Amino acid sequence: MLALVAGYPAPSVAQVKSIELKVAHHLPPIHVQHKNVLVPWAEELKKRTEGRVTAKLFPAELLGKVGEMYDMVLKGTCDAGWLISTYYPGRHPLEEAFHLPFLIPPGAADSKGKVIRDAVYEKYLIPRHYKDVKVLWTGRFEPNVLHLAKKPVRAMGDMKGLVIGFPGGRLMPKFISAVGGSPEQVTVVDMYTAMERGMIAGQLSP
């Protein structure tokens, strides 16, 4: 989800000639969503405002950690940020309805899932959890997949004793424990390093 701090000034052209928005996120600049979503969005923003509003992108946690993004937006460290609610467990509890298995079709492109997601955000989440920011758009991840560094998991018993990383939230660790693994919170930013160093055997993420 991309959010802009609420109450951000919208002065007239006579007052300010140009506005530059600092847009922060955790993805590396080679990531498909940086190149194919945020960069074109910034270009379109500049085009539609005839250059009066520009977005300066700060990828790869340049302005702060992904787990701090919501507070960064509120405090003005950045004007807009890519928010992932699983990194703030307990802060947006209603959002965890999307993490329940088989309840809502996953994937941003799923038409039924999109209708449900938009309705839930509009009626419940934005008025309660995101009232302090302006939600520019929302997205939906694909189903979670178990990514492993070395040992393959082909049967339930293969999970026993494996330390499995998860990005956040309160439901994923329960899933991992239920199938015999040991959950360890690791953000996607640190996932590869954690597996490479043997801190975790694998990661549960889309």
N, C-alpha and C. Protein backbone atom coordinates (compact mmCIF):
# COMPACT_ATOMS: atom_id res chain seq x y z
N MET A 1 0.85 -1.18 0.00
CA MET A 1 0.00 0.00 0.00
C MET A 1 0.89 1.24 0.00
N LEU A 2 0.58 2.19 -0.85
CA LEU A 2 1.30 3.46 -0.85
C LEU A 2 0.44 4.50 -0.16
N ALA A 3 1.02 5.20 0.81
CA ALA A 3 0.25 6.18 1.58
C ALA A 3 0.98 7.50 1.63
N LEU A 4 0.23 8.56 1.55
CA LEU A 4 0.73 9.92 1.66
C LEU A 4 0.27 10.47 2.99
N VAL A 5 1.15 11.20 3.69
CA VAL A 5 0.76 11.75 4.98
C VAL A 5 -0.44 12.67 4.82
N ALA A 6 -1.42 12.49 5.70
CA ALA A 6 -2.63 13.29 5.62
C ALA A 6 -2.33 14.75 5.92
N GLY A 7 -3.08 15.63 5.26
CA GLY A 7 -2.90 17.06 5.50
C GLY A 7 -1.71 17.64 4.78
N TYR A 8 -1.12 16.88 3.86
CA TYR A 8 0.02 17.42 3.11
C TYR A 8 -0.47 18.62 2.32
N PRO A 9 0.22 19.74 2.41
CA PRO A 9 -0.27 20.98 1.80
C PRO A 9 -0.46 20.86 0.30
N ALA A 10 -1.53 21.44 -0.18
CA ALA A 10 -1.81 21.49 -1.61
C ALA A 10 -1.96 22.94 -2.03
N PRO A 11 -0.87 23.70 -2.01
CA PRO A 11 -0.95 25.12 -2.31
C PRO A 11 -1.25 25.38 -3.78
N SER A 12 -1.72 26.58 -4.05
CA SER A 12 -2.01 26.95 -5.43
C SER A 12 -0.71 27.18 -6.18
N VAL A 13 -0.83 27.21 -7.49
CA VAL A 13 0.35 27.42 -8.33
C VAL A 13 0.99 28.77 -8.02
N ALA A 14 0.18 29.76 -7.66
CA ALA A 14 0.72 31.08 -7.37
C ALA A 14 1.57 31.08 -6.11
N GLN A 15 1.27 30.18 -5.17
CA GLN A 15 2.01 30.13 -3.92
C GLN A 15 3.34 29.39 -4.06
N VAL A 16 3.30 28.26 -4.76
CA VAL A 16 4.49 27.43 -4.89
C VAL A 16 4.65 27.01 -6.34
N LYS A 17 5.85 27.16 -6.86
CA LYS A 17 6.09 26.80 -8.26
C LYS A 17 6.22 25.30 -8.44
N SER A 18 6.81 24.62 -7.47
CA SER A 18 7.00 23.18 -7.60
C SER A 18 6.97 22.51 -6.24
N ILE A 19 6.57 21.25 -6.24
CA ILE A 19 6.54 20.42 -5.03
C ILE A 19 7.29 19.13 -5.34
N GLU A 20 8.21 18.77 -4.47
CA GLU A 20 8.91 17.49 -4.61
C GLU A 20 8.54 16.59 -3.45
N LEU A 21 7.96 15.44 -3.76
CA LEU A 21 7.56 14.47 -2.75
C LEU A 21 8.68 13.44 -2.57
N LYS A 22 9.03 13.19 -1.32
CA LYS A 22 9.98 12.12 -1.01
C LYS A 22 9.19 10.83 -0.83
N VAL A 23 9.45 9.87 -1.69
CA VAL A 23 8.71 8.60 -1.68
C VAL A 23 9.67 7.48 -1.30
N ALA A 24 9.43 6.85 -0.16
CA ALA A 24 10.34 5.83 0.36
C ALA A 24 9.74 4.44 0.25
N HIS A 25 10.61 3.47 0.01
CA HIS A 25 10.18 2.07 0.06
C HIS A 25 11.39 1.18 0.31
N HIS A 26 11.14 -0.11 0.50
CA HIS A 26 12.19 -1.04 0.90
C HIS A 26 12.76 -1.86 -0.26
N LEU A 27 12.14 -1.77 -1.41
CA LEU A 27 12.55 -2.61 -2.54
C LEU A 27 13.83 -2.09 -3.18
N PRO A 28 14.68 -2.98 -3.69
CA PRO A 28 15.89 -2.52 -4.40
C PRO A 28 15.50 -1.87 -5.73
N PRO A 29 16.34 -1.01 -6.25
CA PRO A 29 16.00 -0.31 -7.51
C PRO A 29 15.88 -1.23 -8.72
N ILE A 30 16.38 -2.47 -8.62
CA ILE A 30 16.24 -3.42 -9.73
C ILE A 30 14.94 -4.22 -9.64
N HIS A 31 14.19 -4.03 -8.55
CA HIS A 31 12.95 -4.79 -8.36
C HIS A 31 11.91 -4.38 -9.38
N VAL A 32 11.12 -5.36 -9.82
CA VAL A 32 10.12 -5.11 -10.86
C VAL A 32 9.09 -4.06 -10.43
N GLN A 33 8.75 -4.03 -9.14
CA GLN A 33 7.74 -3.06 -8.71
C GLN A 33 8.31 -1.65 -8.61
N HIS A 34 9.62 -1.53 -8.42
CA HIS A 34 10.24 -0.20 -8.48
C HIS A 34 10.26 0.28 -9.93
N LYS A 35 10.74 -0.58 -10.82
CA LYS A 35 10.91 -0.20 -12.22
C LYS A 35 9.58 -0.06 -12.97
N ASN A 36 8.64 -0.97 -12.69
CA ASN A 36 7.42 -1.02 -13.48
C ASN A 36 6.19 -0.39 -12.83
N VAL A 37 6.31 -0.01 -11.56
CA VAL A 37 5.18 0.62 -10.88
C VAL A 37 5.54 2.03 -10.41
N LEU A 38 6.54 2.14 -9.55
CA LEU A 38 6.84 3.43 -8.94
C LEU A 38 7.49 4.42 -9.90
N VAL A 39 8.41 3.95 -10.73
CA VAL A 39 9.05 4.86 -11.68
C VAL A 39 8.03 5.40 -12.69
N PRO A 40 7.19 4.54 -13.32
CA PRO A 40 6.17 5.08 -14.23
C PRO A 40 5.16 5.99 -13.51
N TRP A 41 4.83 5.66 -12.25
CA TRP A 41 3.91 6.52 -11.49
C TRP A 41 4.51 7.91 -11.29
N ALA A 42 5.79 7.96 -10.93
CA ALA A 42 6.46 9.24 -10.73
C ALA A 42 6.50 10.04 -12.03
N GLU A 43 6.73 9.36 -13.14
CA GLU A 43 6.76 10.03 -14.44
C GLU A 43 5.38 10.56 -14.81
N GLU A 44 4.34 9.79 -14.52
CA GLU A 44 2.97 10.20 -14.83
C GLU A 44 2.55 11.38 -13.96
N LEU A 45 2.99 11.36 -12.68
CA LEU A 45 2.68 12.45 -11.77
C LEU A 45 3.28 13.77 -12.29
N LYS A 46 4.50 13.70 -12.73
CA LYS A 46 5.17 14.88 -13.27
C LYS A 46 4.48 15.36 -14.55
N LYS A 47 4.09 14.40 -15.38
CA LYS A 47 3.44 14.74 -16.65
C LYS A 47 2.09 15.42 -16.42
N ARG A 48 1.27 14.84 -15.53
CA ARG A 48 -0.09 15.36 -15.31
C ARG A 48 -0.09 16.72 -14.61
N THR A 49 0.96 16.99 -13.84
CA THR A 49 1.03 18.29 -13.14
C THR A 49 1.90 19.28 -13.89
N GLU A 50 2.29 18.90 -15.11
CA GLU A 50 3.13 19.75 -15.96
C GLU A 50 4.41 20.17 -15.22
N GLY A 51 4.96 19.21 -14.48
CA GLY A 51 6.24 19.43 -13.82
C GLY A 51 6.16 20.13 -12.48
N ARG A 52 4.94 20.51 -12.05
CA ARG A 52 4.82 21.21 -10.77
C ARG A 52 4.98 20.28 -9.57
N VAL A 53 4.64 18.99 -9.75
CA VAL A 53 4.79 18.01 -8.67
C VAL A 53 5.67 16.87 -9.18
N THR A 54 6.75 16.61 -8.45
CA THR A 54 7.65 15.52 -8.81
C THR A 54 7.80 14.60 -7.61
N ALA A 55 8.15 13.35 -7.88
CA ALA A 55 8.36 12.37 -6.82
C ALA A 55 9.80 11.88 -6.90
N LYS A 56 10.53 12.09 -5.82
CA LYS A 56 11.89 11.58 -5.73
C LYS A 56 11.85 10.26 -4.97
N LEU A 57 12.24 9.19 -5.64
CA LEU A 57 12.14 7.85 -5.06
C LEU A 57 13.38 7.51 -4.24
N PHE A 58 13.13 6.94 -3.07
CA PHE A 58 14.20 6.49 -2.18
C PHE A 58 14.02 4.99 -1.94
N PRO A 59 14.60 4.14 -2.79
CA PRO A 59 14.44 2.69 -2.64
C PRO A 59 15.38 2.12 -1.58
N ALA A 60 15.28 0.81 -1.38
CA ALA A 60 16.24 0.04 -0.59
C ALA A 60 16.46 0.57 0.83
N GLU A 61 15.38 1.04 1.45
CA GLU A 61 15.44 1.53 2.84
C GLU A 61 16.43 2.69 3.03
N LEU A 62 16.58 3.53 2.03
CA LEU A 62 17.54 4.63 2.13
C LEU A 62 17.16 5.63 3.21
N LEU A 63 15.86 5.80 3.45
CA LEU A 63 15.42 6.76 4.46
C LEU A 63 15.08 6.11 5.79
N GLY A 64 15.00 4.79 5.83
CA GLY A 64 14.66 4.09 7.06
C GLY A 64 14.21 2.67 6.78
N LYS A 65 14.16 1.87 7.84
CA LYS A 65 13.80 0.46 7.72
C LYS A 65 12.33 0.28 7.35
N VAL A 66 12.03 -0.84 6.71
CA VAL A 66 10.67 -1.11 6.27
C VAL A 66 9.72 -1.17 7.47
N GLY A 67 10.18 -1.66 8.60
CA GLY A 67 9.35 -1.73 9.79
C GLY A 67 9.07 -0.39 10.43
N GLU A 68 9.74 0.64 9.96
CA GLU A 68 9.55 1.99 10.49
C GLU A 68 8.77 2.89 9.53
N MET A 69 8.36 2.32 8.40
CA MET A 69 7.81 3.13 7.31
C MET A 69 6.55 3.90 7.71
N TYR A 70 5.67 3.27 8.45
CA TYR A 70 4.42 3.96 8.81
C TYR A 70 4.73 5.20 9.65
N ASP A 71 5.60 5.06 10.62
CA ASP A 71 5.96 6.21 11.46
C ASP A 71 6.77 7.24 10.69
N MET A 72 7.54 6.79 9.70
CA MET A 72 8.30 7.73 8.86
C MET A 72 7.35 8.66 8.10
N VAL A 73 6.25 8.08 7.62
CA VAL A 73 5.26 8.89 6.91
C VAL A 73 4.60 9.89 7.87
N LEU A 74 4.22 9.40 9.06
CA LEU A 74 3.55 10.27 10.03
C LEU A 74 4.46 11.39 10.52
N LYS A 75 5.76 11.10 10.68
CA LYS A 75 6.69 12.09 11.21
C LYS A 75 7.26 13.01 10.14
N GLY A 76 7.00 12.70 8.87
CA GLY A 76 7.49 13.56 7.80
C GLY A 76 8.88 13.23 7.31
N THR A 77 9.43 12.10 7.74
CA THR A 77 10.72 11.67 7.20
C THR A 77 10.61 11.48 5.70
N CYS A 78 9.45 11.00 5.27
CA CYS A 78 9.13 10.92 3.85
C CYS A 78 7.70 11.42 3.68
N ASP A 79 7.36 11.86 2.48
CA ASP A 79 6.01 12.35 2.21
C ASP A 79 5.07 11.21 1.88
N ALA A 80 5.60 10.15 1.30
CA ALA A 80 4.81 8.98 0.95
C ALA A 80 5.67 7.75 1.18
N GLY A 81 5.03 6.65 1.56
CA GLY A 81 5.79 5.44 1.82
C GLY A 81 5.00 4.20 1.46
N TRP A 82 5.73 3.14 1.15
CA TRP A 82 5.15 1.84 0.83
C TRP A 82 4.94 1.11 2.14
N LEU A 83 3.68 0.95 2.56
CA LEU A 83 3.37 0.38 3.86
C LEU A 83 2.96 -1.09 3.73
N ILE A 84 3.54 -1.93 4.58
CA ILE A 84 3.17 -3.34 4.65
C ILE A 84 2.76 -3.63 6.09
N SER A 85 1.46 -3.85 6.29
CA SER A 85 0.93 -3.92 7.65
C SER A 85 1.47 -5.08 8.47
N THR A 86 1.92 -6.15 7.82
CA THR A 86 2.45 -7.29 8.58
C THR A 86 3.70 -6.90 9.38
N TYR A 87 4.35 -5.81 9.01
CA TYR A 87 5.54 -5.39 9.73
C TYR A 87 5.21 -4.59 10.99
N TYR A 88 3.92 -4.36 11.22
CA TYR A 88 3.51 -3.64 12.43
C TYR A 88 2.48 -4.48 13.17
N PRO A 89 2.89 -5.64 13.71
CA PRO A 89 1.92 -6.56 14.32
C PRO A 89 1.13 -5.91 15.44
N GLY A 90 -0.19 -6.10 15.36
CA GLY A 90 -1.08 -5.57 16.38
C GLY A 90 -1.51 -4.14 16.14
N ARG A 91 -0.86 -3.45 15.22
CA ARG A 91 -1.18 -2.04 15.00
C ARG A 91 -2.41 -1.86 14.12
N HIS A 92 -2.58 -2.74 13.16
CA HIS A 92 -3.73 -2.69 12.26
C HIS A 92 -4.41 -4.07 12.28
N PRO A 93 -5.02 -4.45 13.40
CA PRO A 93 -5.52 -5.82 13.54
C PRO A 93 -6.58 -6.23 12.52
N LEU A 94 -7.43 -5.31 12.08
CA LEU A 94 -8.46 -5.69 11.12
C LEU A 94 -7.86 -6.13 9.79
N GLU A 95 -6.67 -5.64 9.48
CA GLU A 95 -6.03 -5.97 8.21
C GLU A 95 -5.65 -7.45 8.15
N GLU A 96 -5.54 -8.08 9.32
CA GLU A 96 -5.12 -9.48 9.35
C GLU A 96 -6.20 -10.42 8.81
N ALA A 97 -7.38 -9.90 8.52
CA ALA A 97 -8.41 -10.73 7.87
C ALA A 97 -7.89 -11.24 6.52
N PHE A 98 -7.02 -10.47 5.88
CA PHE A 98 -6.46 -10.86 4.58
C PHE A 98 -5.44 -11.99 4.71
N HIS A 99 -4.98 -12.28 5.92
CA HIS A 99 -3.97 -13.30 6.11
C HIS A 99 -4.56 -14.67 6.45
N LEU A 100 -5.87 -14.70 6.68
CA LEU A 100 -6.52 -15.97 6.99
C LEU A 100 -6.57 -16.83 5.73
N PRO A 101 -6.18 -18.10 5.83
CA PRO A 101 -6.11 -18.95 4.63
C PRO A 101 -7.48 -19.22 4.02
N PHE A 102 -7.52 -19.14 2.70
CA PHE A 102 -8.68 -19.53 1.90
C PHE A 102 -9.90 -18.63 2.08
N LEU A 103 -9.78 -17.52 2.81
CA LEU A 103 -10.93 -16.66 3.06
C LEU A 103 -11.19 -15.69 1.91
N ILE A 104 -10.13 -15.02 1.47
CA ILE A 104 -10.24 -14.03 0.39
C ILE A 104 -9.28 -14.41 -0.72
N PRO A 105 -9.73 -14.47 -1.97
CA PRO A 105 -8.83 -14.84 -3.07
C PRO A 105 -7.60 -13.92 -3.11
N PRO A 106 -6.40 -14.48 -3.16
CA PRO A 106 -5.18 -13.66 -3.16
C PRO A 106 -4.87 -13.12 -4.55
N GLY A 107 -3.84 -12.29 -4.63
CA GLY A 107 -3.41 -11.76 -5.91
C GLY A 107 -4.10 -10.46 -6.25
N ALA A 108 -3.32 -9.48 -6.67
CA ALA A 108 -3.87 -8.16 -6.99
C ALA A 108 -4.82 -8.20 -8.17
N ALA A 109 -4.62 -9.16 -9.08
CA ALA A 109 -5.41 -9.19 -10.31
C ALA A 109 -6.73 -9.96 -10.16
N ASP A 110 -6.90 -10.70 -9.07
CA ASP A 110 -8.12 -11.48 -8.90
C ASP A 110 -9.31 -10.54 -8.71
N SER A 111 -10.30 -10.63 -9.61
CA SER A 111 -11.41 -9.67 -9.61
C SER A 111 -12.26 -9.77 -8.34
N LYS A 112 -12.55 -10.99 -7.88
CA LYS A 112 -13.36 -11.14 -6.67
C LYS A 112 -12.58 -10.64 -5.45
N GLY A 113 -11.31 -11.01 -5.39
CA GLY A 113 -10.48 -10.57 -4.27
C GLY A 113 -10.35 -9.06 -4.23
N LYS A 114 -10.28 -8.44 -5.41
CA LYS A 114 -10.15 -6.98 -5.48
C LYS A 114 -11.41 -6.29 -4.96
N VAL A 115 -12.57 -6.81 -5.35
CA VAL A 115 -13.83 -6.22 -4.88
C VAL A 115 -13.92 -6.29 -3.36
N ILE A 116 -13.56 -7.44 -2.80
CA ILE A 116 -13.60 -7.62 -1.35
C ILE A 116 -12.59 -6.70 -0.68
N ARG A 117 -11.37 -6.68 -1.22
CA ARG A 117 -10.30 -5.85 -0.63
C ARG A 117 -10.70 -4.38 -0.62
N ASP A 118 -11.20 -3.89 -1.76
CA ASP A 118 -11.58 -2.48 -1.84
C ASP A 118 -12.69 -2.15 -0.85
N ALA A 119 -13.67 -3.05 -0.72
CA ALA A 119 -14.79 -2.81 0.19
C ALA A 119 -14.33 -2.80 1.64
N VAL A 120 -13.46 -3.73 2.00
CA VAL A 120 -12.97 -3.82 3.38
C VAL A 120 -12.13 -2.58 3.72
N TYR A 121 -11.28 -2.16 2.79
CA TYR A 121 -10.46 -0.97 3.04
C TYR A 121 -11.33 0.28 3.20
N GLU A 122 -12.29 0.44 2.28
CA GLU A 122 -13.12 1.65 2.29
C GLU A 122 -14.01 1.74 3.53
N LYS A 123 -14.59 0.60 3.93
CA LYS A 123 -15.56 0.63 5.02
C LYS A 123 -14.92 0.51 6.40
N TYR A 124 -13.82 -0.27 6.50
CA TYR A 124 -13.26 -0.55 7.82
C TYR A 124 -11.84 -0.06 8.04
N LEU A 125 -10.93 -0.42 7.14
CA LEU A 125 -9.52 -0.17 7.40
C LEU A 125 -9.14 1.30 7.33
N ILE A 126 -9.52 1.99 6.25
CA ILE A 126 -9.12 3.40 6.11
C ILE A 126 -9.73 4.27 7.22
N PRO A 127 -11.03 4.13 7.53
CA PRO A 127 -11.59 4.98 8.60
C PRO A 127 -10.99 4.69 9.98
N ARG A 128 -10.53 3.45 10.23
CA ARG A 128 -10.05 3.09 11.56
C ARG A 128 -8.53 3.08 11.66
N HIS A 129 -7.88 2.36 10.77
CA HIS A 129 -6.44 2.16 10.89
C HIS A 129 -5.60 3.17 10.12
N TYR A 130 -6.15 3.75 9.06
CA TYR A 130 -5.35 4.62 8.21
C TYR A 130 -5.93 6.03 8.11
N LYS A 131 -6.63 6.44 9.14
CA LYS A 131 -7.27 7.76 9.11
C LYS A 131 -6.26 8.90 9.17
N ASP A 132 -5.03 8.63 9.59
CA ASP A 132 -4.00 9.67 9.70
C ASP A 132 -3.19 9.84 8.43
N VAL A 133 -3.46 9.01 7.43
CA VAL A 133 -2.73 9.12 6.16
C VAL A 133 -3.75 9.08 5.01
N LYS A 134 -3.29 9.43 3.84
CA LYS A 134 -4.11 9.34 2.63
C LYS A 134 -3.64 8.12 1.85
N VAL A 135 -4.52 7.14 1.73
CA VAL A 135 -4.17 5.92 1.00
C VAL A 135 -4.27 6.20 -0.50
N LEU A 136 -3.14 6.10 -1.19
CA LEU A 136 -3.12 6.36 -2.63
C LEU A 136 -3.55 5.14 -3.43
N TRP A 137 -3.06 3.97 -3.04
CA TRP A 137 -3.55 2.74 -3.65
C TRP A 137 -3.20 1.56 -2.76
N THR A 138 -3.92 0.47 -2.96
CA THR A 138 -3.67 -0.76 -2.20
C THR A 138 -3.31 -1.87 -3.17
N GLY A 139 -2.68 -2.89 -2.65
CA GLY A 139 -2.31 -4.03 -3.47
C GLY A 139 -2.54 -5.31 -2.70
N ARG A 140 -2.28 -6.43 -3.34
CA ARG A 140 -2.49 -7.72 -2.71
C ARG A 140 -1.39 -8.66 -3.16
N PHE A 141 -0.80 -9.37 -2.20
CA PHE A 141 0.26 -10.31 -2.53
C PHE A 141 -0.30 -11.61 -3.07
N GLU A 142 0.55 -12.35 -3.77
CA GLU A 142 0.21 -13.70 -4.20
C GLU A 142 0.27 -14.62 -2.97
N PRO A 143 -0.17 -15.88 -3.11
CA PRO A 143 -0.11 -16.80 -1.96
C PRO A 143 1.32 -16.98 -1.45
N ASN A 144 1.46 -17.20 -0.16
CA ASN A 144 2.77 -17.43 0.42
C ASN A 144 3.35 -18.77 -0.04
N VAL A 145 4.64 -18.78 -0.25
CA VAL A 145 5.35 -19.97 -0.72
C VAL A 145 6.55 -20.19 0.20
N LEU A 146 6.88 -21.45 0.43
CA LEU A 146 8.02 -21.78 1.27
C LEU A 146 9.29 -21.82 0.42
N HIS A 147 10.19 -20.87 0.66
CA HIS A 147 11.47 -20.80 -0.06
C HIS A 147 12.56 -21.38 0.84
N LEU A 148 13.30 -22.36 0.34
CA LEU A 148 14.29 -23.05 1.17
C LEU A 148 15.70 -22.90 0.63
N ALA A 149 16.67 -22.82 1.54
CA ALA A 149 18.06 -22.64 1.14
C ALA A 149 18.70 -23.97 0.73
N LYS A 150 18.45 -25.03 1.50
CA LYS A 150 19.14 -26.30 1.24
C LYS A 150 18.19 -27.50 1.26
N LYS A 151 17.59 -27.74 2.43
CA LYS A 151 16.79 -28.95 2.60
C LYS A 151 15.41 -28.79 1.97
N PRO A 152 15.03 -29.69 1.05
CA PRO A 152 13.69 -29.60 0.46
C PRO A 152 12.63 -30.10 1.43
N VAL A 153 11.43 -29.59 1.32
CA VAL A 153 10.31 -30.05 2.12
C VAL A 153 9.27 -30.64 1.17
N ARG A 154 9.11 -31.96 1.27
CA ARG A 154 8.16 -32.64 0.39
C ARG A 154 7.02 -33.31 1.18
N ALA A 155 7.21 -33.43 2.48
CA ALA A 155 6.19 -34.02 3.34
C ALA A 155 6.15 -33.25 4.64
N MET A 156 5.05 -33.38 5.38
CA MET A 156 4.88 -32.64 6.62
C MET A 156 6.03 -32.88 7.59
N GLY A 157 6.52 -34.12 7.65
CA GLY A 157 7.60 -34.45 8.58
C GLY A 157 8.91 -33.74 8.28
N ASP A 158 9.09 -33.29 7.03
CA ASP A 158 10.33 -32.60 6.66
C ASP A 158 10.44 -31.23 7.32
N MET A 159 9.34 -30.70 7.81
CA MET A 159 9.37 -29.38 8.45
C MET A 159 9.91 -29.41 9.86
N LYS A 160 9.93 -30.59 10.48
CA LYS A 160 10.30 -30.70 11.88
C LYS A 160 11.71 -30.17 12.13
N GLY A 161 11.82 -29.22 13.05
CA GLY A 161 13.11 -28.68 13.45
C GLY A 161 13.65 -27.58 12.56
N LEU A 162 12.98 -27.26 11.46
CA LEU A 162 13.47 -26.21 10.57
C LEU A 162 13.08 -24.83 11.10
N VAL A 163 14.04 -23.93 11.11
CA VAL A 163 13.76 -22.54 11.48
C VAL A 163 13.32 -21.82 10.21
N ILE A 164 12.10 -21.36 10.21
CA ILE A 164 11.51 -20.74 9.02
C ILE A 164 11.23 -19.26 9.29
N GLY A 165 11.76 -18.42 8.44
CA GLY A 165 11.54 -16.99 8.57
C GLY A 165 10.17 -16.58 8.03
N PHE A 166 9.63 -15.52 8.60
CA PHE A 166 8.37 -14.96 8.10
C PHE A 166 8.48 -13.44 8.22
N PRO A 167 7.88 -12.69 7.30
CA PRO A 167 8.08 -11.24 7.29
C PRO A 167 7.41 -10.50 8.43
N GLY A 168 6.28 -11.00 8.94
CA GLY A 168 5.61 -10.29 10.01
C GLY A 168 4.20 -10.78 10.20
N GLY A 169 3.48 -10.12 11.09
CA GLY A 169 2.11 -10.52 11.37
C GLY A 169 2.05 -11.54 12.49
N ARG A 170 0.82 -11.83 12.93
CA ARG A 170 0.64 -12.75 14.04
C ARG A 170 0.16 -14.14 13.62
N LEU A 171 -0.27 -14.29 12.35
CA LEU A 171 -0.80 -15.56 11.91
C LEU A 171 0.24 -16.49 11.31
N MET A 172 1.19 -15.91 10.56
CA MET A 172 2.20 -16.76 9.91
C MET A 172 2.99 -17.62 10.89
N PRO A 173 3.45 -17.07 12.03
CA PRO A 173 4.19 -17.94 12.96
C PRO A 173 3.34 -19.09 13.49
N LYS A 174 2.02 -18.88 13.59
CA LYS A 174 1.15 -19.96 14.04
C LYS A 174 1.08 -21.06 12.98
N PHE A 175 1.06 -20.65 11.70
CA PHE A 175 1.06 -21.64 10.63
C PHE A 175 2.33 -22.48 10.67
N ILE A 176 3.46 -21.80 10.81
CA ILE A 176 4.76 -22.49 10.80
C ILE A 176 4.86 -23.46 11.96
N SER A 177 4.44 -23.02 13.15
CA SER A 177 4.49 -23.90 14.32
C SER A 177 3.55 -25.09 14.16
N ALA A 178 2.39 -24.86 13.55
CA ALA A 178 1.40 -25.92 13.40
C ALA A 178 1.90 -27.07 12.54
N VAL A 179 2.81 -26.78 11.61
CA VAL A 179 3.32 -27.84 10.74
C VAL A 179 4.71 -28.31 11.16
N GLY A 180 5.14 -27.94 12.38
CA GLY A 180 6.37 -28.49 12.93
C GLY A 180 7.61 -27.64 12.84
N GLY A 181 7.52 -26.46 12.23
CA GLY A 181 8.69 -25.59 12.11
C GLY A 181 8.82 -24.64 13.29
N SER A 182 9.94 -23.92 13.30
CA SER A 182 10.18 -22.91 14.33
C SER A 182 10.19 -21.54 13.66
N PRO A 183 9.22 -20.68 13.96
CA PRO A 183 9.15 -19.38 13.29
C PRO A 183 10.18 -18.38 13.79
N GLU A 184 10.70 -17.58 12.87
CA GLU A 184 11.65 -16.52 13.21
C GLU A 184 11.34 -15.33 12.31
N GLN A 185 11.03 -14.18 12.90
CA GLN A 185 10.68 -13.02 12.08
C GLN A 185 11.91 -12.46 11.37
N VAL A 186 11.85 -12.42 10.06
CA VAL A 186 12.91 -11.87 9.21
C VAL A 186 12.24 -11.13 8.07
N THR A 187 12.53 -9.86 7.90
CA THR A 187 11.93 -9.11 6.80
C THR A 187 12.46 -9.60 5.46
N VAL A 188 11.72 -9.32 4.40
CA VAL A 188 12.16 -9.76 3.08
C VAL A 188 13.49 -9.11 2.69
N VAL A 189 13.78 -7.95 3.26
CA VAL A 189 15.04 -7.27 2.97
C VAL A 189 16.23 -8.11 3.45
N ASP A 190 16.06 -8.80 4.57
CA ASP A 190 17.15 -9.58 5.17
C ASP A 190 17.05 -11.07 4.88
N MET A 191 16.07 -11.48 4.07
CA MET A 191 15.80 -12.89 3.86
C MET A 191 16.99 -13.65 3.28
N TYR A 192 17.57 -13.13 2.19
CA TYR A 192 18.66 -13.85 1.53
C TYR A 192 19.89 -13.97 2.42
N THR A 193 20.23 -12.90 3.11
CA THR A 193 21.39 -12.93 4.01
C THR A 193 21.17 -13.92 5.14
N ALA A 194 19.96 -13.94 5.70
CA ALA A 194 19.65 -14.86 6.80
C ALA A 194 19.76 -16.31 6.36
N MET A 195 19.31 -16.62 5.15
CA MET A 195 19.44 -18.00 4.65
C MET A 195 20.88 -18.34 4.32
N GLU A 196 21.58 -17.39 3.73
CA GLU A 196 22.97 -17.61 3.35
C GLU A 196 23.84 -17.92 4.58
N ARG A 197 23.57 -17.24 5.69
CA ARG A 197 24.35 -17.42 6.91
C ARG A 197 23.84 -18.57 7.78
N GLY A 198 22.77 -19.21 7.35
CA GLY A 198 22.25 -20.35 8.11
C GLY A 198 21.43 -19.96 9.32
N MET A 199 21.03 -18.70 9.41
CA MET A 199 20.20 -18.26 10.53
C MET A 199 18.80 -18.84 10.44
N ILE A 200 18.33 -19.03 9.20
CA ILE A 200 17.05 -19.67 8.96
C ILE A 200 17.24 -20.70 7.83
N ALA A 201 16.39 -21.73 7.84
CA ALA A 201 16.46 -22.75 6.78
C ALA A 201 15.70 -22.33 5.54
N GLY A 202 14.74 -21.45 5.75
CA GLY A 202 13.92 -20.99 4.64
C GLY A 202 13.05 -19.82 5.06
N GLN A 203 12.24 -19.35 4.11
CA GLN A 203 11.40 -18.18 4.37
C GLN A 203 10.02 -18.42 3.78
N LEU A 204 9.00 -18.03 4.53
CA LEU A 204 7.63 -18.09 4.03
C LEU A 204 7.23 -16.70 3.55
N SER A 205 7.06 -16.55 2.25
CA SER A 205 6.71 -15.25 1.68
C SER A 205 6.14 -15.47 0.29
N PRO A 206 5.46 -14.44 -0.28
CA PRO A 206 4.91 -14.60 -1.62
C PRO A 206 6.01 -14.82 -2.67
